N, C-alpha and C. Protein backbone atom coordinates (compact mmCIF):
# COMPACT_ATOMS: atom_id res chain seq x y z
N MET A 1 28.08 177.01 -121.66
CA MET A 1 28.41 176.02 -120.80
C MET A 1 29.51 175.10 -120.42
N THR A 2 30.65 175.16 -120.28
CA THR A 2 31.78 174.20 -120.41
C THR A 2 31.66 172.47 -120.25
N GLU A 3 31.48 172.02 -121.55
CA GLU A 3 31.19 171.18 -121.44
C GLU A 3 32.64 169.45 -121.20
N ILE A 4 32.00 168.29 -120.71
CA ILE A 4 33.29 167.75 -119.95
C ILE A 4 34.57 167.98 -120.90
N THR A 5 34.48 167.71 -122.42
CA THR A 5 35.60 167.19 -123.15
C THR A 5 36.20 168.73 -123.32
N ASP A 6 36.32 169.56 -122.61
CA ASP A 6 36.97 171.01 -122.59
C ASP A 6 37.52 170.85 -121.42
N ILE A 7 37.62 169.93 -120.82
CA ILE A 7 38.63 169.54 -119.10
C ILE A 7 39.85 169.18 -119.44
N PRO A 8 40.84 169.78 -119.74
CA PRO A 8 42.67 168.40 -119.76
C PRO A 8 42.57 167.64 -119.50
N SER A 9 42.78 166.70 -119.51
CA SER A 9 42.80 165.21 -118.57
C SER A 9 45.01 165.29 -118.71
N ALA A 10 44.96 164.37 -117.07
CA ALA A 10 46.68 164.15 -117.44
C ALA A 10 47.15 163.54 -118.55
N ALA A 11 46.91 162.96 -119.08
CA ALA A 11 47.33 162.93 -120.87
C ALA A 11 48.10 164.26 -121.74
N THR A 12 46.96 164.95 -121.22
CA THR A 12 46.99 165.81 -122.25
C THR A 12 47.99 167.07 -121.65
N ALA A 13 47.74 167.38 -120.09
CA ALA A 13 47.60 168.26 -119.66
C ALA A 13 49.38 168.54 -119.18
N PRO A 14 50.33 169.44 -120.38
CA PRO A 14 51.79 169.22 -120.25
C PRO A 14 52.72 169.13 -118.64
N HIS A 15 52.04 170.18 -117.94
CA HIS A 15 52.66 170.53 -116.08
C HIS A 15 52.24 169.48 -115.05
N LEU A 16 51.35 168.41 -115.84
CA LEU A 16 51.07 167.37 -114.98
C LEU A 16 52.01 166.19 -115.30
N LYS A 17 53.00 165.35 -114.67
CA LYS A 17 54.10 164.55 -114.76
C LYS A 17 53.87 163.20 -113.75
N ARG A 18 54.38 162.03 -114.58
CA ARG A 18 53.65 161.12 -113.88
C ARG A 18 54.84 160.59 -112.91
N ALA A 19 54.81 160.24 -112.11
CA ALA A 19 55.57 159.36 -111.31
C ALA A 19 56.61 158.09 -111.52
N PRO A 20 58.05 158.39 -111.64
CA PRO A 20 59.21 157.63 -112.17
C PRO A 20 58.78 156.13 -112.14
N SER A 21 59.05 155.82 -112.70
CA SER A 21 58.91 153.85 -113.07
C SER A 21 60.06 152.84 -112.08
N PRO A 22 59.69 151.87 -111.60
CA PRO A 22 60.40 151.65 -110.46
C PRO A 22 61.93 151.53 -111.64
N ALA A 23 62.54 151.54 -112.27
CA ALA A 23 63.08 151.04 -113.31
C ALA A 23 64.03 152.33 -112.95
N GLN A 24 63.12 153.19 -113.41
CA GLN A 24 63.73 154.75 -113.59
C GLN A 24 64.51 154.95 -112.00
N ALA A 25 63.38 154.71 -111.01
CA ALA A 25 63.47 154.97 -109.74
C ALA A 25 64.77 154.18 -108.98
N ARG A 26 65.10 153.20 -109.57
CA ARG A 26 66.36 152.41 -109.14
C ARG A 26 67.28 152.80 -109.74
N ALA A 27 67.48 152.92 -110.96
CA ALA A 27 68.49 154.31 -111.90
C ALA A 27 68.92 155.20 -111.17
N GLY A 28 68.08 155.87 -110.15
CA GLY A 28 68.21 157.23 -109.44
C GLY A 28 68.62 156.88 -108.28
N VAL A 29 68.67 155.70 -108.10
CA VAL A 29 69.15 155.33 -106.87
C VAL A 29 70.43 154.79 -106.87
N GLN A 30 71.21 153.85 -107.61
CA GLN A 30 72.58 153.17 -108.10
C GLN A 30 73.42 155.19 -108.31
N GLY A 31 72.45 155.74 -109.47
CA GLY A 31 73.74 156.23 -109.66
C GLY A 31 74.17 157.37 -108.29
N ILE A 32 72.85 157.24 -107.50
CA ILE A 32 72.99 158.34 -106.23
C ILE A 32 73.78 157.60 -105.08
N ILE A 33 74.66 156.29 -105.26
CA ILE A 33 75.13 154.98 -104.73
C ILE A 33 76.75 155.14 -104.93
N ASN A 34 76.82 155.22 -106.33
CA ASN A 34 77.77 155.24 -107.08
C ASN A 34 78.63 157.32 -106.86
N LEU A 35 78.37 157.50 -107.40
CA LEU A 35 78.68 159.50 -106.88
C LEU A 35 78.95 159.07 -105.99
N ALA A 36 78.35 159.16 -104.61
CA ALA A 36 78.90 158.84 -103.34
C ALA A 36 79.90 157.89 -102.83
N LEU A 37 79.77 156.93 -103.42
CA LEU A 37 80.76 155.65 -103.53
C LEU A 37 82.13 156.66 -104.02
N MET A 38 82.05 157.52 -105.39
CA MET A 38 83.58 157.81 -105.99
C MET A 38 83.66 158.62 -104.83
N ILE A 39 83.12 159.75 -104.67
CA ILE A 39 83.53 160.85 -103.39
C ILE A 39 84.19 160.24 -102.55
N TRP A 40 83.64 159.14 -101.63
CA TRP A 40 84.32 158.80 -100.74
C TRP A 40 85.68 158.20 -101.13
N THR A 41 86.12 157.68 -102.37
CA THR A 41 86.81 157.04 -102.72
C THR A 41 88.17 158.28 -103.03
N ILE A 42 87.60 159.29 -103.45
CA ILE A 42 88.30 160.07 -103.81
C ILE A 42 88.74 161.13 -102.52
N TRP A 43 88.48 160.73 -101.74
CA TRP A 43 88.09 161.54 -100.30
C TRP A 43 89.26 160.76 -99.81
N ASP A 44 89.29 159.54 -99.66
CA ASP A 44 90.07 158.64 -99.05
C ASP A 44 91.51 158.88 -100.07
N ILE A 45 91.78 158.78 -101.02
CA ILE A 45 93.01 158.78 -101.78
C ILE A 45 93.28 159.73 -101.14
N ARG A 46 93.12 160.84 -101.04
CA ARG A 46 93.96 162.08 -101.27
C ARG A 46 94.26 162.45 -99.64
N HIS A 47 93.62 161.45 -98.68
CA HIS A 47 94.17 162.03 -96.88
C HIS A 47 94.50 160.91 -97.42
N ARG A 48 95.43 160.16 -97.44
CA ARG A 48 95.97 158.75 -96.92
C ARG A 48 97.69 159.02 -97.83
N SER A 49 98.27 158.48 -96.84
CA SER A 49 100.11 159.10 -97.33
C SER A 49 100.09 157.83 -98.57
N ASP A 50 101.13 158.09 -99.18
CA ASP A 50 101.69 156.87 -100.03
C ASP A 50 101.94 155.50 -99.40
N ASP A 51 102.78 155.55 -98.35
CA ASP A 51 102.94 154.12 -97.83
C ASP A 51 101.75 154.02 -97.21
N GLU A 52 100.11 154.17 -97.25
CA GLU A 52 98.91 153.88 -96.97
C GLU A 52 98.56 152.91 -97.94
N ILE A 53 98.67 153.49 -99.73
CA ILE A 53 98.34 153.35 -101.02
C ILE A 53 99.48 151.71 -101.66
N ASN A 54 98.42 150.91 -102.24
CA ASN A 54 99.36 149.87 -102.55
C ASN A 54 98.91 150.23 -103.83
N GLY A 55 100.25 150.60 -104.87
CA GLY A 55 100.32 151.21 -105.96
C GLY A 55 100.26 152.53 -105.93
N LYS A 56 100.25 153.03 -107.33
CA LYS A 56 100.29 154.46 -107.64
C LYS A 56 98.92 155.36 -107.46
N ARG A 57 99.46 156.19 -106.78
CA ARG A 57 98.03 157.45 -106.43
C ARG A 57 97.30 157.26 -107.41
N LYS A 58 98.16 158.07 -108.55
CA LYS A 58 96.93 158.43 -110.09
C LYS A 58 96.37 157.59 -110.16
N LEU A 59 96.39 156.46 -110.21
CA LEU A 59 96.22 155.33 -110.97
C LEU A 59 94.95 154.59 -109.84
N TRP A 60 94.70 154.86 -109.08
CA TRP A 60 93.72 154.80 -108.04
C TRP A 60 92.45 156.02 -108.38
N MET A 61 92.97 157.34 -108.37
CA MET A 61 92.64 158.07 -108.68
C MET A 61 91.71 158.03 -109.91
N LEU A 62 92.35 157.66 -111.22
CA LEU A 62 91.76 157.02 -112.16
C LEU A 62 90.85 156.38 -112.35
N ALA A 63 90.67 155.01 -111.23
CA ALA A 63 89.85 154.17 -110.86
C ALA A 63 88.92 154.46 -110.08
N ALA A 64 89.10 155.51 -109.30
CA ALA A 64 88.07 156.23 -108.62
C ALA A 64 86.86 156.34 -110.15
N PHE A 65 86.98 156.95 -110.67
CA PHE A 65 85.90 157.43 -111.93
C PHE A 65 85.11 156.73 -113.03
N ALA A 66 85.53 154.96 -112.36
CA ALA A 66 84.78 154.14 -112.93
C ALA A 66 83.94 153.16 -111.96
N PRO A 67 82.84 153.88 -111.58
CA PRO A 67 82.16 153.51 -110.56
C PRO A 67 81.20 151.91 -111.35
N PRO A 68 80.95 151.27 -110.44
CA PRO A 68 81.15 151.18 -109.32
C PRO A 68 82.52 150.21 -108.93
N ILE A 69 82.70 149.21 -110.59
CA ILE A 69 83.99 148.58 -109.96
C ILE A 69 85.36 149.19 -109.69
N GLY A 70 85.77 150.49 -110.37
CA GLY A 70 87.29 151.18 -109.79
C GLY A 70 87.35 151.62 -108.44
N PRO A 71 86.40 152.14 -107.06
CA PRO A 71 86.19 152.48 -105.87
C PRO A 71 85.93 151.15 -105.17
N ILE A 72 85.52 150.14 -105.67
CA ILE A 72 85.26 148.78 -104.63
C ILE A 72 86.95 148.08 -105.49
N ALA A 73 87.49 148.18 -106.71
CA ALA A 73 88.94 147.46 -106.01
C ALA A 73 89.75 148.64 -105.19
N TYR A 74 89.58 149.82 -105.59
CA TYR A 74 90.31 150.35 -104.87
C TYR A 74 90.32 149.64 -103.40
N PHE A 75 89.20 150.12 -102.70
CA PHE A 75 88.92 149.70 -100.83
C PHE A 75 89.37 147.74 -100.68
N ILE A 76 89.60 147.42 -102.03
CA ILE A 76 89.68 145.72 -101.81
C ILE A 76 91.64 145.54 -101.90
N PHE A 77 91.59 146.22 -102.98
CA PHE A 77 93.27 145.77 -103.22
C PHE A 77 94.43 147.46 -103.10
N GLY A 78 93.49 148.44 -103.12
CA GLY A 78 94.33 149.69 -103.12
C GLY A 78 95.16 149.94 -101.91
N ARG A 79 94.11 149.75 -100.48
CA ARG A 79 94.64 150.37 -99.29
C ARG A 79 95.72 149.55 -98.36
N LYS A 80 96.47 149.40 -98.10
CA LYS A 80 97.35 148.74 -97.81
C LYS A 80 96.81 147.96 -95.90
N ARG A 81 96.80 147.05 -95.19
CA ARG A 81 96.47 146.36 -94.42
C ARG A 81 96.85 147.35 -93.08
N GLY A 82 96.54 147.09 -92.19
CA GLY A 82 97.43 147.67 -90.70
C GLY A 82 97.63 149.16 -90.72
N ALA A 83 97.89 149.81 -91.90
CA ALA A 83 97.98 151.10 -92.14
C ALA A 83 96.70 152.18 -91.82
N GLN A 84 96.13 151.94 -90.90
CA GLN A 84 95.34 153.21 -90.52
C GLN A 84 95.23 154.45 -89.69
N LYS A 85 94.95 154.99 -89.82
CA LYS A 85 95.68 155.95 -88.75
C LYS A 85 94.44 156.40 -87.71
N ASP A 86 94.81 156.86 -86.81
CA ASP A 86 94.02 156.53 -85.44
C ASP A 86 92.85 157.71 -85.33
N SER A 87 92.02 157.33 -85.37
CA SER A 87 90.40 158.54 -85.26
C SER A 87 91.13 159.84 -83.73
N PRO A 88 90.03 160.20 -84.53
CA PRO A 88 90.25 161.85 -83.16
C PRO A 88 89.53 161.10 -82.33
N LEU A 89 88.38 160.28 -82.39
CA LEU A 89 87.74 159.71 -80.77
C LEU A 89 89.00 159.03 -80.10
N SER A 90 89.91 157.75 -80.74
CA SER A 90 91.13 157.10 -80.01
C SER A 90 92.04 157.64 -79.57
N SER A 91 92.29 158.87 -80.47
CA SER A 91 93.29 159.82 -79.45
C SER A 91 92.81 160.38 -78.28
N ALA A 92 91.59 161.01 -78.25
CA ALA A 92 90.30 161.41 -77.52
C ALA A 92 90.81 160.74 -76.41
N GLU A 93 90.37 159.62 -76.43
CA GLU A 93 90.02 158.98 -75.78
C GLU A 93 91.52 158.24 -74.56
N SER A 94 92.43 157.91 -75.25
CA SER A 94 94.14 157.51 -75.18
C SER A 94 94.39 158.29 -74.03
N ALA A 95 94.10 160.30 -74.50
CA ALA A 95 94.62 161.12 -73.42
C ALA A 95 94.19 161.64 -72.86
N ARG A 96 92.12 160.84 -72.70
CA ARG A 96 91.46 160.91 -71.51
C ARG A 96 92.61 160.23 -70.19
N GLN A 97 92.24 158.99 -70.79
CA GLN A 97 92.69 157.52 -70.05
C GLN A 97 94.14 158.46 -69.32
N ALA A 98 95.09 159.01 -69.90
CA ALA A 98 96.27 159.45 -69.58
C ALA A 98 96.36 160.41 -68.08
N ASP A 99 94.83 161.17 -68.07
CA ASP A 99 94.79 162.47 -66.87
C ASP A 99 94.08 161.48 -66.15
N ILE A 100 94.01 160.71 -66.27
CA ILE A 100 93.08 158.91 -64.77
C ILE A 100 94.15 159.23 -64.11
N THR A 101 94.54 159.10 -62.94
CA THR A 101 95.53 158.96 -61.67
C THR A 101 94.82 157.48 -60.58
N PRO A 102 95.05 156.66 -60.69
CA PRO A 102 94.70 156.12 -59.34
C PRO A 102 94.89 156.80 -57.97
N LEU A 103 93.57 156.58 -56.93
CA LEU A 103 93.50 157.25 -56.13
C LEU A 103 94.46 156.65 -54.66
């Protein structure tokens, strides 16, 4: 007959894992946010011309790899104000308005 002491408990069973602590969960979320911010920064730097970036592109690319300070600094200080590209929606909207003629 099997005794109760022969049944593996959660503490001794290696295949059963505990849920992450709140600190571990918070660190995971922060890591995901930092990674997303870094990817967004690199994408933005690569898709802008030199006229739309304050300073040297290579330095801002290096700053992108120092999350979260580098990407935040780029979005505050590295992008020139008023040098935004037209989005595809705004150009499509202007083309649609050009096709409308009054009756």
